[in-house]
């Protein structure tokens, strides 16, 4: 089973000059994501959750174990705030092995 993260329909996000502005619409407060927060936000949308830490670590050139706790904690915060949601899907069994 694969777990993917994505932005729900009631969340708007705009990236400008490496800074991401995220808010629940129409009445949520704007969250400003910079630096590693913006990197994690972007990578969260580019693959499955189990691979997220490795993707982030690869972007900054450090070992995944060195950032795993921080990445997991930040993603858990985004999930709790409703800015991201997790979707679990069964593996595609039709693809050749």
Foldseek 3Di string as FASTA:
>chain_A
DFKAKDFDPQKDWDDDPQWIWIARPDDGDIDIAHDLRSVLVVLSHVGTPVCSLVVSCVVVVHDSVVCVVVSVVSVVVCVVVRRMDMDDDDDDPVDDD
